[in-house]
């Protein structure tokens, strides 16, 4: 298995260089930036990061604000490991509430760093499907484990990308997913790419799921933002 690609956002040059050295020596592909602004832009523009190591005490825009923006405004779901000298409970809770996946207080040893990185990556790779693996909306039933779709009991043929998009919307049911998020997480493309492929795939799913009647579409357009799947339920 190829080693993961990591992004380090750390303002202290010595710490940033040491982190890069440790992680590259362990076989990871590493990019590193010095400011929250640069880190946010890198995380948004460059697809394919498996983990972000984010320092809490960044100058200007601190790590907590960068994390909030990535999660709430940019729809970046990449796991985040917070690095900070702030070891108290209040700051740990703040990071977790904003969407951090783990927390590592400075100073730390290379062994502890690598162990935490591996643990976060392992959890991300093994994220389980919902306990109930089949999802039903209207006459459509989707088996997330088998990768099959039926309508009123009859098989429905989807392309691989159509199924990946449908699966992503189901796993984020009830939440608005941004177009940039879909480009990055489903297609693996930079969010700045200008393409109508999302619209074409959404329209294909709508035709398969509910025909042409817009009032019955379970995939709703959220104007200027993206899409949201509403209704449906996981079934035994």
Protein backbone atom coordinates (compact mmCIF):
# COMPACT_ATOMS: atom_id res chain seq x y z
CA UNK A 1 0.00 0.00 0.00
CA UNK A 2 1.31 3.45 -0.94
CA UNK A 3 2.22 5.67 1.96
CA UNK A 4 -0.12 8.52 2.78
CA UNK A 5 0.20 12.14 1.72
CA UNK A 6 0.38 14.62 4.59
CA UNK A 7 0.07 18.40 4.93
CA UNK A 8 1.87 20.17 7.79
CA UNK A 9 0.71 23.64 8.85
CA UNK A 10 3.30 24.88 11.37
CA UNK A 11 4.81 28.35 11.73
CA UNK A 12 7.99 27.45 13.66
CA UNK A 13 10.64 26.65 11.06
CA UNK A 14 12.60 24.21 13.23
CA UNK A 15 9.49 22.28 14.22
CA UNK A 16 8.21 22.27 10.64
CA UNK A 17 11.53 20.97 9.31
CA UNK A 18 11.77 18.32 12.04
CA UNK A 19 8.22 17.11 11.36
CA UNK A 20 8.96 16.91 7.65
CA UNK A 21 12.18 15.00 8.30
CA UNK A 22 10.55 12.49 10.67
CA UNK A 23 7.58 11.83 8.42
CA UNK A 24 9.50 11.60 5.16
CA UNK A 25 11.93 9.19 6.82
CA UNK A 26 8.90 7.06 7.70
CA UNK A 27 7.94 6.99 4.03
CA UNK A 28 5.22 9.62 3.90
CA UNK A 29 4.84 12.21 1.16
CA UNK A 30 4.88 15.58 2.93
CA UNK A 31 3.98 19.17 2.03
CA UNK A 32 4.59 21.89 4.63
CA UNK A 33 3.49 25.52 4.92
CA UNK A 34 4.05 28.18 7.58
CA UNK A 35 0.74 30.04 7.92
CA UNK A 36 -2.91 29.26 8.43
CA UNK A 37 -3.86 31.13 5.27
CA UNK A 38 -1.42 29.12 3.15
CA UNK A 39 -2.47 25.89 4.83
CA UNK A 40 -6.14 26.47 4.20
CA UNK A 41 -5.50 27.31 0.55
CA UNK A 42 -3.30 24.23 0.14
CA UNK A 43 -5.89 21.95 1.74
CA UNK A 44 -8.61 23.32 -0.54
CA UNK A 45 -6.68 23.51 -3.79
CA UNK A 46 -4.67 20.28 -3.67
CA UNK A 47 -6.72 17.06 -3.65
CA UNK A 48 -5.61 13.83 -2.09
CA UNK A 49 -4.24 14.66 1.37
CA UNK A 50 -4.78 11.82 3.82
CA UNK A 51 -3.99 13.81 6.97
CA UNK A 52 -3.41 17.42 8.02
CA UNK A 53 -1.09 18.18 10.94
CA UNK A 54 -2.25 21.57 12.20
CA UNK A 55 -0.52 23.72 14.81
CA UNK A 56 -2.96 25.52 17.10
CA UNK A 57 -0.76 28.56 17.75
CA UNK A 58 -0.36 30.01 14.29
CA UNK A 59 0.25 33.74 13.83
CA UNK A 60 -2.73 35.70 12.56
CA UNK A 61 -5.34 33.07 11.83
CA UNK A 62 -4.79 30.43 14.51
CA UNK A 63 -5.20 26.71 14.04
CA UNK A 64 -8.64 26.58 15.61
CA UNK A 65 -9.96 29.16 13.15
CA UNK A 66 -8.31 27.37 10.23
CA UNK A 67 -9.93 24.12 11.36
CA UNK A 68 -13.33 25.78 11.69
CA UNK A 69 -13.09 27.24 8.19
CA UNK A 70 -11.94 23.97 6.66
CA UNK A 71 -14.82 22.04 8.21
CA UNK A 72 -17.67 24.56 8.12
CA UNK A 73 -16.92 26.74 5.10
CA UNK A 74 -14.81 24.59 2.80
CA UNK A 75 -16.26 21.13 3.45
CA UNK A 76 -12.79 19.60 3.88
CA UNK A 77 -13.20 16.21 5.56
CA UNK A 78 -9.51 15.26 5.65
CA UNK A 79 -8.54 14.01 9.14
CA UNK A 80 -6.78 16.64 11.27
CA UNK A 81 -4.20 16.03 13.99
CA UNK A 82 -3.83 19.15 16.15
CA UNK A 83 -0.31 20.01 17.36
CA UNK A 84 -0.06 22.39 20.28
CA UNK A 85 1.67 23.31 23.49
CA UNK A 86 -1.76 24.01 24.92
CA UNK A 87 -2.28 20.78 26.78
CA UNK A 88 -5.22 21.73 28.94
CA UNK A 89 -8.62 20.11 28.68
CA UNK A 90 -10.40 23.25 27.44
CA UNK A 91 -8.27 23.54 24.32
CA UNK A 92 -8.47 19.83 23.59
CA UNK A 93 -12.25 20.00 23.76
CA UNK A 94 -12.30 23.07 21.53
CA UNK A 95 -10.31 21.25 18.87
CA UNK A 96 -12.52 18.17 19.00
CA UNK A 97 -15.69 20.28 18.87
CA UNK A 98 -14.41 21.97 15.71
CA UNK A 99 -13.73 18.62 14.04
CA UNK A 100 -10.18 17.60 14.99
CA UNK A 101 -9.58 13.86 14.88
CA UNK A 102 -6.77 13.71 17.44
CA UNK A 103 -4.60 15.94 19.58
CA UNK A 104 -0.86 15.83 20.27
CA UNK A 105 0.69 18.16 22.86
CA UNK A 106 4.21 19.53 22.43
CA UNK A 107 6.86 18.49 23.15
CA UNK A 108 6.50 15.01 21.71
CA UNK A 109 8.93 12.34 20.59
CA UNK A 110 9.23 11.18 16.98
CA UNK A 111 7.91 7.79 18.08
CA UNK A 112 4.81 9.33 19.63
CA UNK A 113 4.23 11.50 16.56
CA UNK A 114 4.45 8.54 14.19
CA UNK A 115 2.21 6.43 16.42
CA UNK A 116 -0.48 9.14 16.45
CA UNK A 117 -0.25 9.68 12.70
CA UNK A 118 -0.61 5.95 12.06
CA UNK A 119 -3.53 5.71 14.48
CA UNK A 120 -5.47 8.54 12.81
CA UNK A 121 -4.80 7.16 9.34
CA UNK A 122 -5.83 3.68 10.44
CA UNK A 123 -9.13 4.96 11.83
CA UNK A 124 -9.80 6.96 8.66
CA UNK A 125 -9.12 3.97 6.40
CA UNK A 126 -11.30 1.65 8.44
CA UNK A 127 -14.30 3.92 8.92
CA UNK A 128 -17.20 1.48 9.02
CA UNK A 129 -20.29 1.71 6.93
CA UNK A 130 -23.50 2.25 8.87
CA UNK A 131 -24.58 -0.86 10.77
CA UNK A 132 -27.47 -1.15 8.34
CA UNK A 133 -25.86 -1.43 4.92
CA UNK A 134 -28.97 -0.97 2.75
CA UNK A 135 -30.58 2.40 2.12
CA UNK A 136 -34.08 2.90 0.74
CA UNK A 137 -35.64 6.04 -0.70
CA UNK A 138 -38.92 5.69 -2.56
CA UNK A 139 -38.69 2.60 -4.72
CA UNK A 140 -34.91 2.76 -4.84
CA UNK A 141 -32.80 0.48 -2.67
CA UNK A 142 -29.03 0.87 -2.46
CA UNK A 143 -26.75 -1.82 -1.03
CA UNK A 144 -23.69 0.11 0.12
CA UNK A 145 -21.66 -3.03 0.76
CA UNK A 146 -22.42 -4.86 -2.48
CA UNK A 147 -22.47 -1.74 -4.63
CA UNK A 148 -25.85 -2.53 -6.19
CA UNK A 149 -29.00 -0.51 -6.83
CA UNK A 150 -32.54 -1.71 -7.50
CA UNK A 151 -35.74 0.12 -8.35
CA UNK A 152 -38.96 -1.63 -7.40
CA UNK A 153 -36.93 -4.83 -7.16
CA UNK A 154 -35.35 -4.51 -10.61
CA UNK A 155 -31.59 -3.98 -11.02
CA UNK A 156 -30.49 -0.49 -12.02
CA UNK A 157 -27.22 -0.02 -13.89
CA UNK A 158 -25.04 2.82 -12.60
CA UNK A 159 -21.59 3.80 -13.70
CA UNK A 160 -18.86 3.54 -11.08
CA UNK A 161 -18.80 7.32 -10.64
CA UNK A 162 -22.58 7.56 -10.37
CA UNK A 163 -22.54 4.98 -7.59
CA UNK A 164 -19.66 6.71 -5.79
CA UNK A 165 -21.58 10.00 -5.90
CA UNK A 166 -24.81 8.38 -4.70
CA UNK A 167 -22.98 6.60 -1.89
CA UNK A 168 -21.35 9.85 -0.77
CA UNK A 169 -24.70 11.65 -0.69
CA UNK A 170 -26.28 8.81 1.29
CA UNK A 171 -23.49 8.82 3.88
CA UNK A 172 -23.99 12.59 4.23
CA UNK A 173 -27.79 12.39 4.17
CA UNK A 174 -29.51 15.53 5.40
CA UNK A 175 -26.35 17.63 5.10
CA UNK A 176 -25.50 20.08 2.35
CA UNK A 177 -22.36 19.03 0.50
CA UNK A 178 -20.53 21.71 -1.45
CA UNK A 179 -19.63 21.32 -5.09
CA UNK A 180 -15.98 21.82 -4.12
CA UNK A 181 -16.32 19.03 -1.58
CA UNK A 182 -17.71 16.64 -4.21
CA UNK A 183 -14.93 17.48 -6.66
CA UNK A 184 -12.31 16.80 -4.02
CA UNK A 185 -13.80 13.82 -2.19
CA UNK A 186 -15.57 11.95 -5.02
CA UNK A 187 -13.63 12.91 -8.14
CA UNK A 188 -10.25 13.67 -6.55
CA UNK A 189 -10.03 16.99 -8.41
CA UNK A 190 -9.00 20.46 -7.25
CA UNK A 191 -12.11 22.47 -6.33
CA UNK A 192 -11.09 25.23 -8.75
CA UNK A 193 -11.73 22.98 -11.75
CA UNK A 194 -14.53 24.36 -13.90
CA UNK A 195 -16.67 21.44 -14.99
CA UNK A 196 -20.29 20.47 -15.46
CA UNK A 197 -19.63 16.83 -14.64
CA UNK A 198 -21.25 17.10 -11.19
CA UNK A 199 -24.46 18.46 -12.71
CA UNK A 200 -24.54 15.71 -15.33
CA UNK A 201 -24.08 12.98 -12.73
CA UNK A 202 -26.65 14.52 -10.38
CA UNK A 203 -29.17 14.72 -13.23
CA UNK A 204 -28.48 11.09 -14.13
CA UNK A 205 -29.16 10.02 -10.54
CA UNK A 206 -32.33 12.09 -10.41
CA UNK A 207 -33.66 10.45 -13.56
CA UNK A 208 -32.90 7.02 -12.18
CA UNK A 209 -34.32 7.75 -8.74
CA UNK A 210 -37.44 9.80 -9.32
CA UNK A 211 -37.95 10.68 -12.95
CA UNK A 212 -38.31 14.26 -14.09
CA UNK A 213 -40.69 15.60 -11.40
CA UNK A 214 -38.58 18.14 -9.50
CA UNK A 215 -40.94 18.18 -6.52
CA UNK A 216 -40.14 14.52 -5.85
CA UNK A 217 -36.37 14.71 -6.20
CA UNK A 218 -34.69 13.45 -3.00
CA UNK A 219 -31.47 15.11 -4.24
CA UNK A 220 -32.06 18.80 -3.68
CA UNK A 221 -30.06 21.67 -5.12
CA UNK A 222 -28.87 24.22 -2.57
CA UNK A 223 -28.49 27.35 -4.64
CA UNK A 224 -24.93 28.60 -4.93
CA UNK A 225 -23.58 25.89 -2.61
CA UNK A 226 -24.17 22.30 -3.66
CA UNK A 227 -26.59 19.44 -3.06
CA UNK A 228 -28.38 17.62 -0.26
CA UNK A 229 -30.02 14.19 -0.12
CA UNK A 230 -33.22 14.24 1.92
CA UNK A 231 -35.54 11.49 3.07
CA UNK A 232 -34.92 7.80 2.84
CA UNK A 233 -33.85 5.41 5.58
CA UNK A 234 -31.40 2.63 6.34
CA UNK A 235 -33.13 -0.74 6.44
CA UNK A 236 -32.31 -4.24 7.68
